[in-house]
Amino acid sequence: MRHVNKRVTIKDVAKEAGVSIATISYVLNKKGRVREETEEKVMAAVKKLNYIPDISARSLVSKSSKLLGVVIPQTEVDRQLMLNNPFYSEFLSGVEYYARKHNFQIIVSGTDIDKKYLDMALERNMDGIIVMGMYPDAFYEELKKSNIPIVLVDSYCNDHYFHSVQINDRYGAYLGTKHLIENGHEHIGILTGKIKAGGVVEERYLGYQDALKEYGLKTTKDLVFEGVVDFNYGIESAKEIIKNKKITALFASADILALGVIKGLKGLGSKVPDDISVMGFDDIYISEIFDPGLTTVKQDIYKKGQKAVEIIVKSITQDNNAKQEIVLPVDIMERETVKRLSAKS
């Protein structure tokens, strides 16, 4: 018969230390005044018995689970989570580190567009939720029923209930496209995800258009390549892009697309930037170590995660419901994928 170790309870610790259960609770939760001698006795018993507090039970008493939910995009049913894009890994690194620093843990979930998230949040007694990306209006309406702090990241949902952390995506895309134009390029394609109203993809497409319009250049259908924001689509898109012989530069709305198309173009015998220049967006860490190093619109992805956690923690600890909005800066990171042609007059 297999021996099963019995979980050490707070009663066992109280018995070992020779004090009441309430005293154990005071010491572990840093509440109430306890003599130093008693505290030492309690901590010695905890160490001896290897006592691990029951977080679930503690959350029922304190009404705080020390858990933060993190939702990342899962916009297509039966597709894997988008962690194959380093953008999300960098974002989650920021979230996890600063959550841990504030004594919180995170639960990462991908939610399909037709699946409610609220039930799990309530079941786990989450203290707050961080939501990355855009979702249907019904999803946000469900989240509002939770009555806990929620931070939207990279969302253009204009609802006073939610806190937000984002960048000016339209301006960033404008800067990236402008950089290509100022390097002499006039026939500039855009490689992007599906352009839908109200999201990051549309904002970056609009920024691309803004720059072309400012310099008297036209946006034509044969310059727009829409698909899925992943590495493989970037590779596949190269076949269509090189068919347009006029294109001398390409603005990719995400680095993962830019890196994919560079590989795809190389496989078809086209060199970057000699034959075609490529501008990315995000500045994921791979962009610097990739060969050639990717010129891109830089944003601080890690800091997005940090700021999202700080907003949540402030809202929880200070019981502050005032809406907080943070817009982080963007800039151009010049590397090796943009070739200078004749200067634009």
C-alpha atoms as a PDB file:
ATOM      1  CA  MET A   1       0.000   0.000   0.000  1.00  0.00           C
ATOM      2  CA  ARG A   2       1.437   3.343  -1.048  1.00  0.00           C
ATOM      3  CA  HIS A   3       2.130   5.812   1.748  1.00  0.00           C
ATOM      4  CA  VAL A   4       0.562   9.240   1.196  1.00  0.00           C
ATOM      5  CA  ASN A   5       2.077  12.183   3.030  1.00  0.00           C
ATOM      6  CA  LYS A   6      -0.505  14.163   4.947  1.00  0.00           C
ATOM      7  CA  ARG A   7      -0.529  17.889   4.223  1.00  0.00           C
ATOM      8  CA  VAL A   8       0.740  19.920   7.165  1.00  0.00           C
ATOM      9  CA  THR A   9      -2.001  22.218   8.427  1.00  0.00           C
ATOM     10  CA  ILE A  10      -1.997  25.414  10.443  1.00  0.00           C
ATOM     11  CA  LYS A  11      -3.265  23.318  13.387  1.00  0.00           C
ATOM     12  CA  ASP A  12      -0.107  21.208  13.233  1.00  0.00           C
ATOM     13  CA  VAL A  13       2.053  24.342  13.307  1.00  0.00           C
ATOM     14  CA  ALA A  14       0.085  25.738  16.266  1.00  0.00           C
ATOM     15  CA  LYS A  15       0.543  22.473  18.174  1.00  0.00           C
ATOM     16  CA  GLU A  16       4.275  22.350  17.420  1.00  0.00           C
ATOM     17  CA  ALA A  17       4.791  25.983  18.467  1.00  0.00           C
ATOM     18  CA  GLY A  18       2.503  25.724  21.481  1.00  0.00           C
ATOM     19  CA  VAL A  19       0.399  28.729  20.460  1.00  0.00           C
ATOM     20  CA  SER A  20      -3.091  29.364  19.127  1.00  0.00           C
ATOM     21  CA  ILE A  21      -4.095  29.144  15.464  1.00  0.00           C
ATOM     22  CA  ALA A  22      -4.867  32.872  15.591  1.00  0.00           C
ATOM     23  CA  THR A  23      -1.286  33.611  16.638  1.00  0.00           C
ATOM     24  CA  ILE A  24       0.052  31.579  13.703  1.00  0.00           C
ATOM     25  CA  SER A  25      -2.208  33.603  11.387  1.00  0.00           C
ATOM     26  CA  TYR A  26      -1.020  36.906  12.884  1.00  0.00           C
ATOM     27  CA  VAL A  27       2.623  35.985  12.351  1.00  0.00           C
ATOM     28  CA  LEU A  28       2.239  34.674   8.777  1.00  0.00           C
ATOM     29  CA  ASN A  29       0.012  37.517   7.634  1.00  0.00           C
ATOM     30  CA  LYS A  30       2.021  40.202   9.445  1.00  0.00           C
ATOM     31  CA  LYS A  31      -1.085  41.376  11.260  1.00  0.00           C
ATOM     32  CA  GLY A  32      -1.419  42.209  14.927  1.00  0.00           C
ATOM     33  CA  ARG A  33       1.308  42.576  17.531  1.00  0.00           C
ATOM     34  CA  VAL A  34       3.168  39.403  18.463  1.00  0.00           C
ATOM     35  CA  ARG A  35       6.141  39.155  20.815  1.00  0.00           C
ATOM     36  CA  GLU A  36       9.457  38.596  19.067  1.00  0.00           C
ATOM     37  CA  GLU A  37      10.026  35.402  21.068  1.00  0.00           C
ATOM     38  CA  THR A  38       6.636  34.040  19.952  1.00  0.00           C
ATOM     39  CA  GLU A  39       7.266  34.975  16.335  1.00  0.00           C
ATOM     40  CA  GLU A  40      10.609  33.131  16.382  1.00  0.00           C
ATOM     41  CA  LYS A  41       8.913  30.069  17.888  1.00  0.00           C
ATOM     42  CA  VAL A  42       6.239  30.122  15.146  1.00  0.00           C
ATOM     43  CA  MET A  43       8.738  30.500  12.307  1.00  0.00           C
ATOM     44  CA  ALA A  44      10.861  27.661  13.742  1.00  0.00           C
ATOM     45  CA  ALA A  45       7.772  25.409  13.713  1.00  0.00           C
ATOM     46  CA  VAL A  46       6.933  26.455  10.144  1.00  0.00           C
ATOM     47  CA  LYS A  47      10.450  25.591   9.023  1.00  0.00           C
ATOM     48  CA  LYS A  48      10.582  22.289  10.920  1.00  0.00           C
ATOM     49  CA  LEU A  49       7.255  21.055   9.540  1.00  0.00           C
ATOM     50  CA  ASN A  50       7.844  22.574   6.069  1.00  0.00           C
ATOM     51  CA  TYR A  51       4.451  24.238   6.305  1.00  0.00           C
ATOM     52  CA  ILE A  52       3.090  25.748   3.084  1.00  0.00           C
ATOM     53  CA  PRO A  53       0.083  28.067   3.551  1.00  0.00           C
ATOM     54  CA  ASP A  54      -3.110  27.122   1.720  1.00  0.00           C
ATOM     55  CA  ILE A  55      -3.446  30.018  -0.729  1.00  0.00           C
ATOM     56  CA  SER A  56      -7.063  29.163  -1.536  1.00  0.00           C
ATOM     57  CA  ALA A  57      -8.048  29.231   2.115  1.00  0.00           C
ATOM     58  CA  ARG A  58      -6.090  32.410   2.726  1.00  0.00           C
ATOM     59  CA  SER A  59      -7.809  34.141  -0.205  1.00  0.00           C
ATOM     60  CA  LEU A  60     -11.208  33.359   1.264  1.00  0.00           C
ATOM     61  CA  VAL A  61     -10.221  35.119   4.484  1.00  0.00           C
ATOM     62  CA  SER A  62      -8.326  38.045   2.966  1.00  0.00           C
ATOM     63  CA  LYS A  63     -10.595  38.323  -0.093  1.00  0.00           C
ATOM     64  CA  SER A  64      -7.401  38.538  -2.161  1.00  0.00           C
ATOM     65  CA  SER A  65      -6.040  35.642  -4.201  1.00  0.00           C
ATOM     66  CA  LYS A  66      -2.820  37.397  -5.251  1.00  0.00           C
ATOM     67  CA  LEU A  67      -3.634  36.141  -8.748  1.00  0.00           C
ATOM     68  CA  LEU A  68      -3.685  38.215 -11.944  1.00  0.00           C
ATOM     69  CA  GLY A  69      -5.251  36.893 -15.122  1.00  0.00           C
ATOM     70  CA  VAL A  70      -3.493  37.588 -18.429  1.00  0.00           C
ATOM     71  CA  VAL A  71      -5.386  37.127 -21.696  1.00  0.00           C
ATOM     72  CA  ILE A  72      -3.473  36.915 -24.971  1.00  0.00           C
ATOM     73  CA  PRO A  73      -5.040  36.799 -28.455  1.00  0.00           C
ATOM     74  CA  GLN A  74      -6.689  33.607 -29.630  1.00  0.00           C
ATOM     75  CA  THR A  75      -8.759  34.959 -32.483  1.00  0.00           C
ATOM     76  CA  GLU A  76      -9.054  31.770 -34.517  1.00  0.00           C
ATOM     77  CA  VAL A  77     -10.741  28.655 -33.154  1.00  0.00           C
ATOM     78  CA  ASP A  78      -8.431  25.630 -32.750  1.00  0.00           C
ATOM     79  CA  ARG A  79      -5.292  27.702 -33.382  1.00  0.00           C
ATOM     80  CA  GLN A  80      -2.375  27.548 -30.962  1.00  0.00           C
ATOM     81  CA  LEU A  81      -1.714  30.448 -28.606  1.00  0.00           C
ATOM     82  CA  MET A  82       0.270  33.200 -30.260  1.00  0.00           C
ATOM     83  CA  LEU A  83       3.355  32.577 -28.112  1.00  0.00           C
ATOM     84  CA  ASN A  84       5.168  31.581 -31.307  1.00  0.00           C
ATOM     85  CA  ASN A  85       5.485  35.354 -31.816  1.00  0.00           C
ATOM     86  CA  PRO A  86       8.316  36.590 -29.537  1.00  0.00           C
ATOM     87  CA  PHE A  87       6.342  39.813 -29.032  1.00  0.00           C
ATOM     88  CA  TYR A  88       4.052  38.011 -26.565  1.00  0.00           C
ATOM     89  CA  SER A  89       6.941  36.303 -24.788  1.00  0.00           C
ATOM     90  CA  GLU A  90       8.612  39.668 -24.163  1.00  0.00           C
ATOM     91  CA  PHE A  91       5.345  41.169 -22.955  1.00  0.00           C
ATOM     92  CA  LEU A  92       4.695  38.251 -20.594  1.00  0.00           C
ATOM     93  CA  SER A  93       8.242  38.476 -19.248  1.00  0.00           C
ATOM     94  CA  GLY A  94       7.497  42.029 -18.125  1.00  0.00           C
ATOM     95  CA  VAL A  95       4.158  41.016 -16.629  1.00  0.00           C
ATOM     96  CA  GLU A  96       5.519  37.990 -14.748  1.00  0.00           C
ATOM     97  CA  TYR A  97       8.557  39.745 -13.286  1.00  0.00           C
ATOM     98  CA  TYR A  98       6.679  42.759 -11.958  1.00  0.00           C
ATOM     99  CA  ALA A  99       3.760  40.647 -10.745  1.00  0.00           C
ATOM    100  CA  ARG A 100       6.217  38.502  -8.774  1.00  0.00           C
ATOM    101  CA  LYS A 101       7.948  41.625  -7.483  1.00  0.00           C
ATOM    102  CA  HIS A 102       4.607  42.737  -6.017  1.00  0.00           C
ATOM    103  CA  ASN A 103       3.884  39.226  -4.634  1.00  0.00           C
ATOM    104  CA  PHE A 104       1.316  38.331  -7.293  1.00  0.00           C
ATOM    105  CA  GLN A 105       1.171  35.272  -9.531  1.00  0.00           C
ATOM    106  CA  ILE A 106      -0.258  35.163 -13.059  1.00  0.00           C
ATOM    107  CA  ILE A 107      -2.562  32.810 -14.936  1.00  0.00           C
ATOM    108  CA  VAL A 108      -2.057  33.075 -18.708  1.00  0.00           C
ATOM    109  CA  SER A 109      -5.006  32.200 -20.929  1.00  0.00           C
ATOM    110  CA  GLY A 110      -5.868  32.335 -24.586  1.00  0.00           C
ATOM    111  CA  THR A 111      -9.560  32.827 -25.131  1.00  0.00           C
ATOM    112  CA  ASP A 112     -11.448  32.070 -28.334  1.00  0.00           C
ATOM    113  CA  ILE A 113     -13.664  34.847 -29.654  1.00  0.00           C
ATOM    114  CA  ASP A 114     -16.763  32.808 -28.737  1.00  0.00           C
ATOM    115  CA  LYS A 115     -15.673  31.772 -25.219  1.00  0.00           C
ATOM    116  CA  LYS A 116     -16.465  33.615 -21.996  1.00  0.00           C
ATOM    117  CA  TYR A 117     -13.547  34.356 -19.729  1.00  0.00           C
ATOM    118  CA  LEU A 118     -15.471  35.723 -16.768  1.00  0.00           C
ATOM    119  CA  ASP A 119     -16.387  32.350 -15.235  1.00  0.00           C
ATOM    120  CA  MET A 120     -12.769  31.346 -14.686  1.00  0.00           C
ATOM    121  CA  ALA A 121     -11.859  34.777 -13.338  1.00  0.00           C
ATOM    122  CA  LEU A 122     -14.588  34.531 -10.723  1.00  0.00           C
ATOM    123  CA  GLU A 123     -13.849  30.887  -9.880  1.00  0.00           C
ATOM    124  CA  ARG A 124     -10.182  31.682  -9.218  1.00  0.00           C
ATOM    125  CA  ASN A 125     -11.041  34.887  -7.341  1.00  0.00           C
ATOM    126  CA  MET A 126      -8.622  36.909  -9.488  1.00  0.00           C
ATOM    127  CA  ASP A 127      -7.591  40.316  -8.173  1.00  0.00           C
ATOM    128  CA  GLY A 128      -7.220  41.835 -11.647  1.00  0.00           C
ATOM    129  CA  ILE A 129      -7.002  41.019 -15.345  1.00  0.00           C
ATOM    130  CA  ILE A 130      -4.649  42.176 -18.105  1.00  0.00           C
ATOM    131  CA  VAL A 131      -6.075  41.798 -21.613  1.00  0.00           C
ATOM    132  CA  MET A 132      -3.817  42.013 -24.676  1.00  0.00           C
ATOM    133  CA  GLY A 133      -5.319  42.847 -28.087  1.00  0.00           C
ATOM    134  CA  MET A 134      -8.789  43.489 -29.477  1.00  0.00           C
ATOM    135  CA  TYR A 135     -11.931  41.424 -28.882  1.00  0.00           C
ATOM    136  CA  PRO A 136     -15.636  41.727 -29.760  1.00  0.00           C
ATOM    137  CA  ASP A 137     -17.704  44.205 -27.734  1.00  0.00           C
ATOM    138  CA  ALA A 138     -19.549  41.351 -25.990  1.00  0.00           C
ATOM    139  CA  PHE A 139     -16.281  40.141 -24.451  1.00  0.00           C
ATOM    140  CA  TYR A 140     -15.650  43.516 -22.823  1.00  0.00           C
ATOM    141  CA  GLU A 141     -19.209  43.700 -21.551  1.00  0.00           C
ATOM    142  CA  GLU A 142     -18.717  40.330 -19.822  1.00  0.00           C
ATOM    143  CA  LEU A 143     -15.437  41.478 -18.284  1.00  0.00           C
ATOM    144  CA  LYS A 144     -17.087  44.555 -16.796  1.00  0.00           C
ATOM    145  CA  LYS A 145     -19.322  42.280 -14.713  1.00  0.00           C
ATOM    146  CA  SER A 146     -16.294  41.080 -12.766  1.00  0.00           C
ATOM    147  CA  ASN A 147     -16.025  44.367 -10.841  1.00  0.00           C
ATOM    148  CA  ILE A 148     -12.243  44.019 -10.571  1.00  0.00           C
ATOM    149  CA  PRO A 149      -9.470  46.185 -12.102  1.00  0.00           C
ATOM    150  CA  ILE A 150      -8.840  45.431 -15.778  1.00  0.00           C
ATOM    151  CA  VAL A 151      -6.061  46.813 -17.973  1.00  0.00           C
ATOM    152  CA  LEU A 152      -6.378  46.680 -21.752  1.00  0.00           C
ATOM    153  CA  VAL A 153      -3.096  46.531 -23.676  1.00  0.00           C
ATOM    154  CA  ASP A 154      -2.962  47.417 -27.381  1.00  0.00           C
ATOM    155  CA  SER A 155      -6.700  47.919 -27.490  1.00  0.00           C
ATOM    156  CA  TYR A 156      -8.735  50.733 -28.978  1.00  0.00           C
ATOM    157  CA  CYS A 157     -11.798  49.931 -26.891  1.00  0.00           C
ATOM    158  CA  ASN A 158     -12.965  53.336 -25.669  1.00  0.00           C
ATOM    159  CA  ASP A 159     -14.751  52.414 -22.464  1.00  0.00           C
ATOM    160  CA  HIS A 160     -14.276  54.390 -19.252  1.00  0.00           C
ATOM    161  CA  TYR A 161     -14.361  51.200 -17.160  1.00  0.00           C
ATOM    162  CA  PHE A 162     -10.960  49.954 -18.324  1.00  0.00           C
ATOM    163  CA  HIS A 163      -7.418  51.137 -17.676  1.00  0.00           C
ATOM    164  CA  SER A 164      -5.112  51.068 -20.719  1.00  0.00           C
ATOM    165  CA  VAL A 165      -1.492  50.752 -21.823  1.00  0.00           C
ATOM    166  CA  GLN A 166      -0.610  51.281 -25.456  1.00  0.00           C
ATOM    167  CA  ILE A 167       1.468  53.133 -28.011  1.00  0.00           C
ATOM    168  CA  ASN A 168       0.390  55.434 -30.819  1.00  0.00           C
ATOM    169  CA  ASP A 169       0.342  52.719 -33.489  1.00  0.00           C
ATOM    170  CA  ARG A 170      -0.741  55.068 -36.243  1.00  0.00           C
ATOM    171  CA  TYR A 171       2.110  57.452 -35.535  1.00  0.00           C
ATOM    172  CA  GLY A 172       4.592  54.594 -35.340  1.00  0.00           C
ATOM    173  CA  ALA A 173       3.569  53.282 -38.764  1.00  0.00           C
ATOM    174  CA  TYR A 174       3.741  56.827 -40.113  1.00  0.00           C
ATOM    175  CA  LEU A 175       7.318  57.139 -38.835  1.00  0.00           C
ATOM    176  CA  GLY A 176       8.312  53.793 -40.341  1.00  0.00           C
ATOM    177  CA  THR A 177       6.845  54.549 -43.757  1.00  0.00           C
ATOM    178  CA  LYS A 178       8.241  58.080 -43.689  1.00  0.00           C
ATOM    179  CA  HIS A 179      11.698  56.640 -43.021  1.00  0.00           C
ATOM    180  CA  LEU A 180      11.418  54.572 -46.201  1.00  0.00           C
ATOM    181  CA  ILE A 181      10.250  57.576 -48.222  1.00  0.00           C
ATOM    182  CA  GLU A 182      13.048  59.756 -46.901  1.00  0.00           C
ATOM    183  CA  ASN A 183      15.470  57.081 -48.081  1.00  0.00           C
ATOM    184  CA  GLY A 184      14.210  57.586 -51.631  1.00  0.00           C
ATOM    185  CA  HIS A 185      11.497  54.919 -51.887  1.00  0.00           C
ATOM    186  CA  GLU A 186       8.225  55.778 -53.626  1.00  0.00           C
ATOM    187  CA  HIS A 187       6.694  52.386 -54.383  1.00  0.00           C
ATOM    188  CA  ILE A 188       6.227  51.014 -50.876  1.00  0.00           C
ATOM    189  CA  GLY A 189       4.181  47.917 -50.148  1.00  0.00           C
ATOM    190  CA  ILE A 190       2.618  47.041 -46.794  1.00  0.00           C
ATOM    191  CA  LEU A 191       2.609  43.529 -45.328  1.00  0.00           C
ATOM    192  CA  THR A 192       0.048  43.199 -42.569  1.00  0.00           C
ATOM    193  CA  GLY A 193      -2.610  41.163 -40.818  1.00  0.00           C
ATOM    194  CA  LYS A 194      -6.268  41.412 -41.772  1.00  0.00           C
ATOM    195  CA  ILE A 195      -7.283  45.063 -41.686  1.00  0.00           C
ATOM    196  CA  LYS A 196     -10.324  45.230 -39.415  1.00  0.00           C
ATOM    197  CA  ALA A 197     -11.969  48.335 -38.010  1.00  0.00           C
ATOM    198  CA  GLY A 198     -10.864  49.500 -34.587  1.00  0.00           C
ATOM    199  CA  GLY A 199      -7.686  47.557 -33.963  1.00  0.00           C
ATOM    200  CA  VAL A 200      -3.903  47.867 -34.014  1.00  0.00           C
ATOM    201  CA  VAL A 201      -3.642  46.506 -37.574  1.00  0.00           C
ATOM    202  CA  GLU A 202      -5.969  49.193 -38.929  1.00  0.00           C
ATOM    203  CA  GLU A 203      -4.139  51.930 -36.998  1.00  0.00           C
ATOM    204  CA  ARG A 204      -0.823  50.886 -38.502  1.00  0.00           C
ATOM    205  CA  TYR A 205      -2.346  50.719 -41.965  1.00  0.00           C
ATOM    206  CA  LEU A 206      -3.696  54.250 -41.514  1.00  0.00           C
ATOM    207  CA  GLY A 207      -0.269  55.461 -40.421  1.00  0.00           C
ATOM    208  CA  TYR A 208       1.232  53.945 -43.576  1.00  0.00           C
ATOM    209  CA  GLN A 209      -1.367  55.811 -45.630  1.00  0.00           C
ATOM    210  CA  ASP A 210      -0.720  59.058 -43.734  1.00  0.00           C
ATOM    211  CA  ALA A 211       2.948  59.066 -44.725  1.00  0.00           C
ATOM    212  CA  LEU A 212       2.243  58.279 -48.380  1.00  0.00           C
ATOM    213  CA  LYS A 213      -0.362  61.021 -48.549  1.00  0.00           C
ATOM    214  CA  GLU A 214       1.955  63.572 -46.937  1.00  0.00           C
ATOM    215  CA  TYR A 215       4.525  62.965 -49.670  1.00  0.00           C
ATOM    216  CA  GLY A 216       2.010  62.883 -52.526  1.00  0.00           C
ATOM    217  CA  LEU A 217       2.209  59.118 -53.048  1.00  0.00           C
ATOM    218  CA  LYS A 218      -0.773  56.860 -53.687  1.00  0.00           C
ATOM    219  CA  THR A 219      -1.984  53.730 -51.898  1.00  0.00           C
ATOM    220  CA  THR A 220      -3.015  51.114 -54.449  1.00  0.00           C
ATOM    221  CA  LYS A 221      -4.425  47.618 -53.915  1.00  0.00           C
ATOM    222  CA  ASP A 222      -1.410  45.964 -55.494  1.00  0.00           C
ATOM    223  CA  LEU A 223       0.752  47.391 -52.698  1.00  0.00           C
ATOM    224  CA  VAL A 224      -1.307  45.884 -49.857  1.00  0.00           C
ATOM    225  CA  PHE A 225      -0.621  42.309 -48.711  1.00  0.00           C
ATOM    226  CA  GLU A 226      -3.044  41.123 -46.006  1.00  0.00           C
ATOM    227  CA  GLY A 227      -2.863  37.823 -44.158  1.00  0.00           C
ATOM    228  CA  VAL A 228      -1.986  36.329 -40.764  1.00  0.00           C
ATOM    229  CA  VAL A 229       0.530  37.983 -38.453  1.00  0.00           C
ATOM    230  CA  ASP A 230       3.051  35.152 -38.257  1.00  0.00           C
ATOM    231  CA  PHE A 231       6.428  34.102 -39.613  1.00  0.00           C
ATOM    232  CA  ASN A 232       5.090  31.586 -42.137  1.00  0.00           C
ATOM    233  CA  TYR A 233       2.749  34.078 -43.784  1.00  0.00           C
ATOM    234  CA  GLY A 234       5.709  36.416 -44.128  1.00  0.00           C
ATOM    235  CA  ILE A 235       7.598  33.711 -46.016  1.00  0.00           C
ATOM    236  CA  GLU A 236       4.623  32.866 -48.234  1.00  0.00           C
ATOM    237  CA  SER A 237       3.873  36.497 -49.066  1.00  0.00           C
ATOM    238  CA  ALA A 238       7.283  36.938 -50.719  1.00  0.00           C
ATOM    239  CA  LYS A 239       6.009  35.172 -53.869  1.00  0.00           C
ATOM    240  CA  GLU A 240       3.305  37.796 -54.403  1.00  0.00           C
ATOM    241  CA  ILE A 241       5.456  40.740 -53.416  1.00  0.00           C
ATOM    242  CA  ILE A 242       8.183  40.118 -56.001  1.00  0.00           C
ATOM    243  CA  LYS A 243       5.561  39.943 -58.744  1.00  0.00           C
ATOM    244  CA  ASN A 244       5.165  43.709 -58.376  1.00  0.00           C
ATOM    245  CA  LYS A 245       8.431  44.806 -59.959  1.00  0.00           C
ATOM    246  CA  LYS A 246       7.866  48.441 -58.945  1.00  0.00           C
ATOM    247  CA  ILE A 247       8.085  47.777 -55.211  1.00  0.00           C
ATOM    248  CA  THR A 248      11.461  48.883 -53.831  1.00  0.00           C
ATOM    249  CA  ALA A 249      10.513  48.845 -50.148  1.00  0.00           C
ATOM    250  CA  LEU A 250       8.115  47.086 -47.811  1.00  0.00           C
ATOM    251  CA  PHE A 251       6.623  48.209 -44.525  1.00  0.00           C
ATOM    252  CA  ALA A 252       5.689  45.191 -42.370  1.00  0.00           C
ATOM    253  CA  SER A 253       3.223  45.922 -39.576  1.00  0.00           C
ATOM    254  CA  ALA A 254       5.019  43.472 -37.260  1.00  0.00           C
ATOM    255  CA  ASP A 255       8.618  42.290 -36.983  1.00  0.00           C
ATOM    256  CA  ILE A 256       7.591  38.635 -37.177  1.00  0.00           C
ATOM    257  CA  LEU A 257       6.155  39.348 -40.651  1.00  0.00           C
ATOM    258  CA  ALA A 258       9.249  41.300 -41.673  1.00  0.00           C
ATOM    259  CA  LEU A 259      11.584  38.485 -40.652  1.00  0.00           C
ATOM    260  CA  GLY A 260       9.439  35.948 -42.487  1.00  0.00           C
ATOM    261  CA  VAL A 261       9.329  37.928 -45.717  1.00  0.00           C
ATOM    262  CA  ILE A 262      13.095  38.498 -45.627  1.00  0.00           C
ATOM    263  CA  LYS A 263      13.603  34.741 -45.458  1.00  0.00           C
ATOM    264  CA  GLY A 264      11.021  34.223 -48.205  1.00  0.00           C
ATOM    265  CA  LEU A 265      12.658  36.785 -50.488  1.00  0.00           C
ATOM    266  CA  LYS A 266      16.076  35.241 -49.887  1.00  0.00           C
ATOM    267  CA  GLY A 267      14.712  31.853 -50.916  1.00  0.00           C
ATOM    268  CA  LEU A 268      13.483  33.384 -54.169  1.00  0.00           C
ATOM    269  CA  GLY A 269      16.849  34.967 -54.928  1.00  0.00           C
ATOM    270  CA  SER A 270      16.033  38.528 -53.822  1.00  0.00           C
ATOM    271  CA  LYS A 271      18.425  40.248 -51.448  1.00  0.00           C
ATOM    272  CA  VAL A 272      17.461  42.587 -48.619  1.00  0.00           C
ATOM    273  CA  PRO A 273      18.164  45.495 -48.803  1.00  0.00           C
ATOM    274  CA  ASP A 274      19.918  45.410 -52.201  1.00  0.00           C
ATOM    275  CA  ASP A 275      16.805  44.371 -54.151  1.00  0.00           C
ATOM    276  CA  ILE A 276      14.111  45.435 -51.710  1.00  0.00           C
ATOM    277  CA  SER A 277      14.194  47.301 -48.392  1.00  0.00           C
ATOM    278  CA  VAL A 278      12.173  46.063 -45.413  1.00  0.00           C
ATOM    279  CA  MET A 279      10.945  48.035 -42.386  1.00  0.00           C
ATOM    280  CA  GLY A 280       9.457  46.209 -39.380  1.00  0.00           C
ATOM    281  CA  PHE A 281       7.437  47.247 -36.338  1.00  0.00           C
ATOM    282  CA  ASP A 282       7.956  46.260 -32.646  1.00  0.00           C
ATOM    283  CA  ASP A 283      11.709  45.682 -32.255  1.00  0.00           C
ATOM    284  CA  ILE A 284      11.426  42.178 -30.806  1.00  0.00           C
ATOM    285  CA  TYR A 285      14.783  40.891 -29.557  1.00  0.00           C
ATOM    286  CA  ILE A 286      15.279  38.597 -32.596  1.00  0.00           C
ATOM    287  CA  SER A 287      15.304  41.660 -34.857  1.00  0.00           C
ATOM    288  CA  GLU A 288      18.725  42.650 -33.569  1.00  0.00           C
ATOM    289  CA  ILE A 289      20.361  39.215 -33.877  1.00  0.00           C
ATOM    290  CA  PHE A 290      18.728  38.368 -37.217  1.00  0.00           C
ATOM    291  CA  ASP A 291      20.947  38.594 -40.322  1.00  0.00           C
ATOM    292  CA  PRO A 292      20.561  41.224 -41.668  1.00  0.00           C
ATOM    293  CA  GLY A 293      19.634  43.223 -38.563  1.00  0.00           C
ATOM    294  CA  LEU A 294      16.096  44.529 -39.008  1.00  0.00           C
ATOM    295  CA  THR A 295      15.391  48.252 -39.247  1.00  0.00           C
ATOM    296  CA  THR A 296      12.142  48.704 -37.354  1.00  0.00           C
ATOM    297  CA  VAL A 297       9.772  50.917 -35.395  1.00  0.00           C
ATOM    298  CA  LYS A 298      10.850  50.421 -31.798  1.00  0.00           C
ATOM    299  CA  GLN A 299       8.493  50.132 -28.864  1.00  0.00           C
ATOM    300  CA  ASP A 300       9.286  48.922 -25.329  1.00  0.00           C
ATOM    301  CA  ILE A 301       7.323  45.665 -25.218  1.00  0.00           C
ATOM    302  CA  TYR A 302       8.688  44.595 -21.823  1.00  0.00           C
ATOM    303  CA  LYS A 303       7.671  47.930 -20.296  1.00  0.00           C
ATOM    304  CA  LYS A 304       4.110  47.418 -21.537  1.00  0.00           C
ATOM    305  CA  GLY A 305       3.918  44.379 -19.274  1.00  0.00           C
ATOM    306  CA  GLN A 306       5.511  46.279 -16.397  1.00  0.00           C
ATOM    307  CA  LYS A 307       3.113  49.223 -16.656  1.00  0.00           C
ATOM    308  CA  ALA A 308       0.065  46.971 -16.925  1.00  0.00           C
ATOM    309  CA  VAL A 309       0.981  45.271 -13.643  1.00  0.00           C
ATOM    310  CA  GLU A 310       1.767  48.556 -11.893  1.00  0.00           C
ATOM    311  CA  ILE A 311      -1.643  49.936 -12.832  1.00  0.00           C
ATOM    312  CA  ILE A 312      -3.391  46.806 -11.531  1.00  0.00           C
ATOM    313  CA  VAL A 313      -1.434  46.772  -8.259  1.00  0.00           C
ATOM    314  CA  LYS A 314      -2.041  50.481  -7.653  1.00  0.00           C
ATOM    315  CA  SER A 315      -5.746  50.019  -8.295  1.00  0.00           C
ATOM    316  CA  ILE A 316      -5.907  47.079  -5.859  1.00  0.00           C
ATOM    317  CA  THR A 317      -3.708  48.375  -3.040  1.00  0.00           C
ATOM    318  CA  GLN A 318      -4.920  51.958  -3.108  1.00  0.00           C
ATOM    319  CA  ASP A 319      -8.522  51.038  -3.874  1.00  0.00           C
ATOM    320  CA  ASN A 320      -8.327  53.587  -6.679  1.00  0.00           C
ATOM    321  CA  ASN A 321     -10.862  53.196  -9.487  1.00  0.00           C
ATOM    322  CA  ALA A 322      -9.801  56.315 -11.411  1.00  0.00           C
ATOM    323  CA  LYS A 323      -9.053  55.370 -15.015  1.00  0.00           C
ATOM    324  CA  GLN A 324      -5.337  55.247 -15.788  1.00  0.00           C
ATOM    325  CA  GLU A 325      -4.022  55.571 -19.345  1.00  0.00           C
ATOM    326  CA  ILE A 326      -0.394  55.185 -20.383  1.00  0.00           C
ATOM    327  CA  VAL A 327       0.907  55.820 -23.908  1.00  0.00           C
ATOM    328  CA  LEU A 328       4.505  54.674 -24.377  1.00  0.00           C
ATOM    329  CA  PRO A 329       6.825  56.263 -26.980  1.00  0.00           C
ATOM    330  CA  VAL A 330       7.913  54.864 -30.361  1.00  0.00           C
ATOM    331  CA  ASP A 331      11.016  55.560 -32.437  1.00  0.00           C
ATOM    332  CA  ILE A 332      13.003  54.255 -35.414  1.00  0.00           C
ATOM    333  CA  MET A 333      15.704  51.661 -34.765  1.00  0.00           C
ATOM    334  CA  GLU A 334      18.056  51.744 -37.753  1.00  0.00           C
ATOM    335  CA  ARG A 335      19.930  48.574 -38.667  1.00  0.00           C
ATOM    336  CA  GLU A 336      20.627  46.928 -42.033  1.00  0.00           C
ATOM    337  CA  THR A 337      17.437  46.295 -44.011  1.00  0.00           C
ATOM    338  CA  VAL A 338      16.769  49.729 -45.542  1.00  0.00           C
ATOM    339  CA  LYS A 339      18.815  50.858 -48.533  1.00  0.00           C
ATOM    340  CA  ARG A 340      19.048  54.525 -49.432  1.00  0.00           C
ATOM    341  CA  LEU A 341      17.997  55.369 -53.005  1.00  0.00           C
ATOM    342  CA  SER A 342      17.990  58.850 -54.550  1.00  0.00           C
ATOM    343  CA  ALA A 343      16.829  61.415 -51.987  1.00  0.00           C
ATOM    344  CA  LYS A 344      13.189  62.486 -52.077  1.00  0.00           C
ATOM    345  CA  SER A 345      12.953  66.109 -53.113  1.00  0.00           C
END
